[in-house]
Amino acid sequence: MPSSPTTATRPDAALLALRPLINAEATDTAGTVGLFLHATLRPVLKLQNDLLLAVVADFVRDHHITLRPTDQHHQLSELLGRNTKLRYTVVGLITGAFTDAEYAYYRLHRPEVNRRLLEMTLRRVLDQADKAVALTTKAD
């Protein structure tokens, strides 16, 4: 069906082609959140890594948060754990790279996928805290 000006189609093949390959074997059964985590979330998080760190750094800078070297991990954990605006921004950043089928699955399992997505994001940001902090000091 040709697309009309009122009907938008997502370029699913192009979205999938952008994703890096993850060399980890998923042991979860088809249709489970665990399989979705391995097949979708991990590659999308890897693809969006630099943008994810930039979003966190921008948020820290825009809200005039000073990340003390001794407390960086705790402060970033609190920020990603409690700040609803940042959490929704992160979820949107990741879900925006889903295919139609992945988004349909996400909608059915939103609470569990969001929980795992935010846990993985937190781990990723904490593992790269130095890079995130360096981005907060870069000039615009």
N, C-alpha and C. Protein backbone atom coordinates (compact mmCIF):
# COMPACT_ATOMS: atom_id res chain seq x y z
N MET A 1 0.85 -1.17 0.00
CA MET A 1 0.00 0.00 0.00
C MET A 1 0.90 1.24 0.00
N PRO A 2 0.74 2.11 -0.98
CA PRO A 2 1.56 3.31 -1.00
C PRO A 2 1.19 4.21 0.17
N SER A 3 2.20 4.90 0.66
CA SER A 3 1.93 5.77 1.80
C SER A 3 1.33 7.08 1.31
N SER A 4 0.36 7.53 2.05
CA SER A 4 -0.27 8.80 1.74
C SER A 4 0.29 9.85 2.69
N PRO A 5 0.01 11.11 2.44
CA PRO A 5 0.53 12.15 3.33
C PRO A 5 0.07 11.99 4.78
N THR A 6 -1.04 11.29 5.00
CA THR A 6 -1.53 11.12 6.37
C THR A 6 -1.07 9.82 7.00
N THR A 7 -0.48 8.93 6.21
CA THR A 7 -0.04 7.65 6.73
C THR A 7 1.48 7.59 6.72
N ALA A 8 2.05 7.43 7.88
CA ALA A 8 3.50 7.32 7.97
C ALA A 8 3.87 5.86 8.18
N THR A 9 4.92 5.42 7.52
CA THR A 9 5.41 4.07 7.73
C THR A 9 6.81 4.16 8.30
N ARG A 10 7.12 3.22 9.17
CA ARG A 10 8.44 3.21 9.79
C ARG A 10 9.39 2.39 8.92
N PRO A 11 10.59 2.83 8.79
CA PRO A 11 11.59 2.10 7.99
C PRO A 11 12.23 0.99 8.82
N ASP A 12 11.46 -0.06 9.10
CA ASP A 12 11.93 -1.12 9.99
C ASP A 12 13.26 -1.73 9.55
N ALA A 13 13.41 -2.01 8.27
CA ALA A 13 14.65 -2.62 7.79
C ALA A 13 15.84 -1.70 8.03
N ALA A 14 15.64 -0.41 7.82
CA ALA A 14 16.72 0.55 8.04
C ALA A 14 17.07 0.65 9.53
N LEU A 15 16.06 0.61 10.38
CA LEU A 15 16.31 0.65 11.83
C LEU A 15 17.12 -0.56 12.26
N LEU A 16 16.76 -1.72 11.77
CA LEU A 16 17.48 -2.95 12.12
C LEU A 16 18.91 -2.93 11.58
N ALA A 17 19.09 -2.37 10.39
CA ALA A 17 20.42 -2.33 9.77
C ALA A 17 21.39 -1.43 10.55
N LEU A 18 20.87 -0.45 11.25
CA LEU A 18 21.71 0.46 12.03
C LEU A 18 22.29 -0.18 13.28
N ARG A 19 21.63 -1.17 13.79
CA ARG A 19 22.01 -1.76 15.08
C ARG A 19 23.28 -2.57 15.01
N PRO A 20 24.14 -2.41 16.01
CA PRO A 20 25.35 -3.23 16.06
C PRO A 20 25.00 -4.66 16.46
N LEU A 21 25.84 -5.59 16.07
CA LEU A 21 25.64 -6.99 16.47
C LEU A 21 26.14 -7.17 17.89
N ILE A 22 25.40 -7.93 18.66
CA ILE A 22 25.78 -8.25 20.04
C ILE A 22 26.17 -9.73 20.06
N ASN A 23 27.36 -10.01 20.52
CA ASN A 23 27.86 -11.39 20.54
C ASN A 23 27.53 -12.10 21.84
N ALA A 24 26.27 -12.16 22.16
CA ALA A 24 25.84 -12.90 23.35
C ALA A 24 24.64 -13.73 22.95
N GLU A 25 24.64 -14.96 23.36
CA GLU A 25 23.56 -15.85 22.99
C GLU A 25 22.43 -15.75 24.00
N ALA A 26 21.24 -15.54 23.51
CA ALA A 26 20.07 -15.47 24.37
C ALA A 26 19.58 -16.89 24.65
N THR A 27 19.35 -17.18 25.91
CA THR A 27 18.87 -18.51 26.29
C THR A 27 17.38 -18.49 26.61
N ASP A 28 16.77 -17.33 26.53
CA ASP A 28 15.35 -17.20 26.83
C ASP A 28 14.50 -17.72 25.68
N THR A 29 13.29 -18.13 26.00
CA THR A 29 12.39 -18.64 24.97
C THR A 29 11.74 -17.48 24.23
N ALA A 30 11.27 -17.79 23.03
CA ALA A 30 10.64 -16.78 22.18
C ALA A 30 9.44 -16.16 22.89
N GLY A 31 9.28 -14.86 22.69
CA GLY A 31 8.14 -14.16 23.26
C GLY A 31 8.34 -13.68 24.69
N THR A 32 9.51 -13.94 25.27
CA THR A 32 9.75 -13.51 26.65
C THR A 32 10.43 -12.15 26.68
N VAL A 33 10.30 -11.49 27.80
CA VAL A 33 10.95 -10.19 27.98
C VAL A 33 12.47 -10.37 27.92
N GLY A 34 12.96 -11.49 28.44
CA GLY A 34 14.40 -11.75 28.39
C GLY A 34 14.93 -11.81 26.97
N LEU A 35 14.20 -12.44 26.09
CA LEU A 35 14.62 -12.50 24.69
C LEU A 35 14.56 -11.10 24.07
N PHE A 36 13.53 -10.34 24.40
CA PHE A 36 13.40 -8.97 23.91
C PHE A 36 14.60 -8.14 24.37
N LEU A 37 15.02 -8.37 25.60
CA LEU A 37 16.17 -7.67 26.16
C LEU A 37 17.41 -7.94 25.30
N HIS A 38 17.66 -9.20 24.97
CA HIS A 38 18.85 -9.56 24.20
C HIS A 38 18.74 -9.17 22.73
N ALA A 39 17.58 -9.37 22.15
CA ALA A 39 17.42 -9.15 20.72
C ALA A 39 17.20 -7.69 20.36
N THR A 40 16.63 -6.91 21.27
CA THR A 40 16.26 -5.54 20.95
C THR A 40 16.93 -4.51 21.85
N LEU A 41 16.72 -4.61 23.16
CA LEU A 41 17.21 -3.56 24.06
C LEU A 41 18.73 -3.40 24.02
N ARG A 42 19.45 -4.49 24.11
CA ARG A 42 20.92 -4.38 24.15
C ARG A 42 21.47 -3.75 22.87
N PRO A 43 21.04 -4.18 21.68
CA PRO A 43 21.55 -3.52 20.47
C PRO A 43 21.14 -2.05 20.36
N VAL A 44 19.91 -1.73 20.76
CA VAL A 44 19.46 -0.33 20.67
C VAL A 44 20.24 0.53 21.67
N LEU A 45 20.45 0.02 22.88
CA LEU A 45 21.23 0.78 23.87
C LEU A 45 22.66 1.00 23.37
N LYS A 46 23.23 -0.01 22.74
CA LYS A 46 24.58 0.14 22.20
C LYS A 46 24.60 1.17 21.07
N LEU A 47 23.60 1.10 20.20
CA LEU A 47 23.48 2.06 19.10
C LEU A 47 23.35 3.49 19.63
N GLN A 48 22.55 3.67 20.65
CA GLN A 48 22.23 5.00 21.18
C GLN A 48 23.18 5.43 22.30
N ASN A 49 24.24 4.70 22.55
CA ASN A 49 25.11 4.95 23.69
C ASN A 49 25.60 6.39 23.80
N ASP A 50 26.20 6.91 22.74
CA ASP A 50 26.75 8.27 22.81
C ASP A 50 25.65 9.30 23.02
N LEU A 51 24.53 9.10 22.36
CA LEU A 51 23.41 10.02 22.54
C LEU A 51 22.85 9.93 23.95
N LEU A 52 22.79 8.74 24.49
CA LEU A 52 22.32 8.53 25.86
C LEU A 52 23.21 9.27 26.86
N LEU A 53 24.51 9.14 26.71
CA LEU A 53 25.44 9.85 27.60
C LEU A 53 25.30 11.36 27.43
N ALA A 54 25.11 11.82 26.20
CA ALA A 54 24.94 13.26 25.96
C ALA A 54 23.66 13.78 26.61
N VAL A 55 22.58 13.00 26.56
CA VAL A 55 21.32 13.41 27.19
C VAL A 55 21.49 13.54 28.69
N VAL A 56 22.15 12.57 29.31
CA VAL A 56 22.39 12.63 30.76
C VAL A 56 23.27 13.84 31.08
N ALA A 57 24.32 14.04 30.31
CA ALA A 57 25.22 15.18 30.55
C ALA A 57 24.49 16.50 30.38
N ASP A 58 23.66 16.62 29.34
CA ASP A 58 22.89 17.85 29.14
C ASP A 58 21.95 18.10 30.31
N PHE A 59 21.32 17.04 30.79
CA PHE A 59 20.40 17.17 31.92
C PHE A 59 21.15 17.67 33.16
N VAL A 60 22.31 17.09 33.41
CA VAL A 60 23.13 17.51 34.56
C VAL A 60 23.51 18.98 34.42
N ARG A 61 23.97 19.36 33.24
CA ARG A 61 24.38 20.74 32.99
C ARG A 61 23.20 21.71 33.07
N ASP A 62 22.09 21.36 32.43
CA ASP A 62 20.93 22.25 32.41
C ASP A 62 20.32 22.47 33.79
N HIS A 63 20.47 21.48 34.67
CA HIS A 63 19.91 21.60 36.02
C HIS A 63 20.97 21.99 37.05
N HIS A 64 22.12 22.41 36.55
CA HIS A 64 23.20 22.93 37.41
C HIS A 64 23.55 21.97 38.54
N ILE A 65 23.69 20.71 38.19
CA ILE A 65 24.05 19.68 39.16
C ILE A 65 25.57 19.51 39.11
N THR A 66 26.19 19.61 40.26
CA THR A 66 27.64 19.41 40.33
C THR A 66 27.91 17.96 40.69
N LEU A 67 28.55 17.25 39.80
CA LEU A 67 28.88 15.85 40.05
C LEU A 67 30.24 15.79 40.74
N ARG A 68 30.22 15.58 42.03
CA ARG A 68 31.46 15.48 42.81
C ARG A 68 32.15 14.15 42.51
N PRO A 69 33.46 14.17 42.32
CA PRO A 69 34.18 12.93 41.98
C PRO A 69 33.92 11.78 42.96
N THR A 70 33.78 12.09 44.23
CA THR A 70 33.58 11.02 45.22
C THR A 70 32.15 10.49 45.22
N ASP A 71 31.23 11.24 44.65
CA ASP A 71 29.81 10.87 44.70
C ASP A 71 29.17 10.68 43.33
N GLN A 72 29.95 10.65 42.27
CA GLN A 72 29.39 10.60 40.92
C GLN A 72 28.42 9.45 40.72
N HIS A 73 28.81 8.27 41.13
CA HIS A 73 27.96 7.09 40.90
C HIS A 73 26.66 7.22 41.68
N HIS A 74 26.75 7.66 42.91
CA HIS A 74 25.54 7.82 43.72
C HIS A 74 24.62 8.89 43.13
N GLN A 75 25.20 10.01 42.73
CA GLN A 75 24.41 11.10 42.16
C GLN A 75 23.74 10.69 40.85
N LEU A 76 24.48 10.02 40.00
CA LEU A 76 23.90 9.55 38.73
C LEU A 76 22.82 8.51 38.97
N SER A 77 23.03 7.63 39.95
CA SER A 77 22.02 6.63 40.29
C SER A 77 20.74 7.29 40.77
N GLU A 78 20.88 8.28 41.63
CA GLU A 78 19.71 9.01 42.14
C GLU A 78 19.00 9.74 41.00
N LEU A 79 19.77 10.37 40.15
CA LEU A 79 19.20 11.13 39.04
C LEU A 79 18.40 10.24 38.11
N LEU A 80 18.99 9.12 37.70
CA LEU A 80 18.30 8.21 36.79
C LEU A 80 17.21 7.41 37.48
N GLY A 81 17.31 7.27 38.78
CA GLY A 81 16.32 6.51 39.51
C GLY A 81 15.10 7.31 39.92
N ARG A 82 15.27 8.61 40.12
CA ARG A 82 14.18 9.40 40.68
C ARG A 82 13.63 10.49 39.78
N ASN A 83 14.39 10.93 38.81
CA ASN A 83 13.93 12.06 38.00
C ASN A 83 13.07 11.56 36.85
N THR A 84 11.78 11.80 36.98
CA THR A 84 10.81 11.29 36.01
C THR A 84 11.06 11.85 34.62
N LYS A 85 11.37 13.13 34.53
CA LYS A 85 11.59 13.75 33.22
C LYS A 85 12.76 13.07 32.49
N LEU A 86 13.85 12.84 33.19
CA LEU A 86 15.00 12.19 32.57
C LEU A 86 14.68 10.74 32.22
N ARG A 87 13.97 10.06 33.09
CA ARG A 87 13.60 8.66 32.82
C ARG A 87 12.74 8.56 31.56
N TYR A 88 11.75 9.44 31.42
CA TYR A 88 10.90 9.41 30.23
C TYR A 88 11.69 9.79 28.98
N THR A 89 12.64 10.70 29.12
CA THR A 89 13.48 11.07 27.98
C THR A 89 14.29 9.86 27.52
N VAL A 90 14.87 9.14 28.47
CA VAL A 90 15.66 7.94 28.15
C VAL A 90 14.78 6.88 27.49
N VAL A 91 13.61 6.64 28.05
CA VAL A 91 12.69 5.65 27.47
C VAL A 91 12.33 6.04 26.04
N GLY A 92 12.04 7.31 25.81
CA GLY A 92 11.70 7.78 24.47
C GLY A 92 12.86 7.65 23.49
N LEU A 93 14.06 7.93 23.98
CA LEU A 93 15.26 7.82 23.15
C LEU A 93 15.45 6.38 22.66
N ILE A 94 15.17 5.43 23.53
CA ILE A 94 15.37 4.02 23.18
C ILE A 94 14.19 3.49 22.37
N THR A 95 12.97 3.74 22.81
CA THR A 95 11.81 3.19 22.10
C THR A 95 11.63 3.81 20.72
N GLY A 96 12.18 4.99 20.51
CA GLY A 96 12.11 5.62 19.19
C GLY A 96 12.87 4.85 18.13
N ALA A 97 13.75 3.95 18.55
CA ALA A 97 14.52 3.14 17.61
C ALA A 97 13.96 1.73 17.45
N PHE A 98 12.76 1.49 17.98
CA PHE A 98 12.11 0.19 17.84
C PHE A 98 11.41 0.09 16.48
N THR A 99 11.31 -1.12 15.98
CA THR A 99 10.49 -1.37 14.79
C THR A 99 9.02 -1.40 15.22
N ASP A 100 8.12 -1.46 14.27
CA ASP A 100 6.69 -1.54 14.60
C ASP A 100 6.38 -2.75 15.47
N ALA A 101 6.93 -3.90 15.10
CA ALA A 101 6.66 -5.13 15.87
C ALA A 101 7.24 -5.04 17.27
N GLU A 102 8.44 -4.48 17.39
CA GLU A 102 9.06 -4.33 18.71
C GLU A 102 8.26 -3.36 19.58
N TYR A 103 7.77 -2.30 18.96
CA TYR A 103 6.97 -1.35 19.73
C TYR A 103 5.65 -1.98 20.17
N ALA A 104 5.06 -2.80 19.33
CA ALA A 104 3.82 -3.49 19.70
C ALA A 104 4.09 -4.41 20.90
N TYR A 105 5.21 -5.12 20.89
CA TYR A 105 5.58 -5.97 22.02
C TYR A 105 5.83 -5.11 23.26
N TYR A 106 6.53 -4.01 23.08
CA TYR A 106 6.82 -3.09 24.19
C TYR A 106 5.52 -2.61 24.85
N ARG A 107 4.54 -2.26 24.04
CA ARG A 107 3.27 -1.77 24.60
C ARG A 107 2.59 -2.82 25.47
N LEU A 108 2.72 -4.08 25.10
CA LEU A 108 2.11 -5.16 25.88
C LEU A 108 2.86 -5.44 27.18
N HIS A 109 4.14 -5.14 27.20
CA HIS A 109 5.00 -5.46 28.36
C HIS A 109 5.71 -4.22 28.91
N ARG A 110 5.08 -3.08 28.76
CA ARG A 110 5.70 -1.80 29.10
C ARG A 110 6.33 -1.75 30.49
N PRO A 111 5.63 -2.13 31.57
CA PRO A 111 6.25 -1.99 32.90
C PRO A 111 7.55 -2.78 33.05
N GLU A 112 7.54 -4.03 32.60
CA GLU A 112 8.74 -4.87 32.74
C GLU A 112 9.86 -4.40 31.82
N VAL A 113 9.53 -4.04 30.59
CA VAL A 113 10.55 -3.58 29.65
C VAL A 113 11.15 -2.26 30.14
N ASN A 114 10.31 -1.34 30.62
CA ASN A 114 10.83 -0.07 31.14
C ASN A 114 11.75 -0.30 32.32
N ARG A 115 11.38 -1.21 33.21
CA ARG A 115 12.22 -1.50 34.37
C ARG A 115 13.59 -2.00 33.92
N ARG A 116 13.59 -2.94 33.00
CA ARG A 116 14.86 -3.48 32.51
C ARG A 116 15.64 -2.45 31.70
N LEU A 117 14.95 -1.70 30.88
CA LEU A 117 15.59 -0.66 30.08
C LEU A 117 16.30 0.35 30.98
N LEU A 118 15.63 0.78 32.04
CA LEU A 118 16.23 1.77 32.94
C LEU A 118 17.36 1.17 33.77
N GLU A 119 17.25 -0.10 34.14
CA GLU A 119 18.36 -0.76 34.84
C GLU A 119 19.59 -0.85 33.94
N MET A 120 19.38 -1.23 32.70
CA MET A 120 20.49 -1.35 31.76
C MET A 120 21.10 0.01 31.46
N THR A 121 20.25 1.02 31.35
CA THR A 121 20.73 2.38 31.12
C THR A 121 21.59 2.85 32.29
N LEU A 122 21.11 2.62 33.50
CA LEU A 122 21.86 3.02 34.68
C LEU A 122 23.23 2.34 34.69
N ARG A 123 23.26 1.04 34.45
CA ARG A 123 24.52 0.32 34.41
C ARG A 123 25.46 0.90 33.36
N ARG A 124 24.91 1.19 32.20
CA ARG A 124 25.70 1.73 31.09
C ARG A 124 26.27 3.11 31.45
N VAL A 125 25.45 3.97 32.04
CA VAL A 125 25.91 5.32 32.41
C VAL A 125 26.95 5.23 33.52
N LEU A 126 26.71 4.38 34.52
CA LEU A 126 27.68 4.26 35.61
C LEU A 126 29.01 3.70 35.13
N ASP A 127 28.96 2.75 34.19
CA ASP A 127 30.20 2.18 33.65
C ASP A 127 31.00 3.22 32.85
N GLN A 128 30.31 4.26 32.38
CA GLN A 128 30.96 5.30 31.59
C GLN A 128 30.82 6.67 32.26
N ALA A 129 30.79 6.67 33.58
CA ALA A 129 30.57 7.91 34.34
C ALA A 129 31.60 8.97 33.98
N ASP A 130 32.85 8.59 33.80
CA ASP A 130 33.89 9.57 33.46
C ASP A 130 33.58 10.27 32.14
N LYS A 131 33.11 9.50 31.18
CA LYS A 131 32.77 10.07 29.87
C LYS A 131 31.56 11.00 29.99
N ALA A 132 30.56 10.60 30.78
CA ALA A 132 29.38 11.44 30.99
C ALA A 132 29.76 12.74 31.68
N VAL A 133 30.61 12.66 32.69
CA VAL A 133 31.05 13.85 33.41
C VAL A 133 31.84 14.77 32.48
N ALA A 134 32.70 14.19 31.65
CA ALA A 134 33.48 15.00 30.70
C ALA A 134 32.55 15.74 29.74
N LEU A 135 31.45 15.12 29.36
CA LEU A 135 30.50 15.78 28.46
C LEU A 135 29.80 16.96 29.13
N THR A 136 29.68 16.94 30.45
CA THR A 136 29.01 18.05 31.15
C THR A 136 29.85 19.32 31.10
N THR A 137 31.14 19.18 30.87
CA THR A 137 32.01 20.35 30.88
C THR A 137 32.32 20.86 29.48
N LYS A 138 31.87 20.16 28.45
CA LYS A 138 32.11 20.61 27.08
C LYS A 138 31.30 21.85 26.79
N ALA A 139 31.89 22.76 26.06
CA ALA A 139 31.20 24.00 25.68
C ALA A 139 30.18 23.69 24.59
N ASP A 140 29.15 24.49 24.53
CA ASP A 140 28.09 24.30 23.53
C ASP A 140 28.55 24.59 22.16
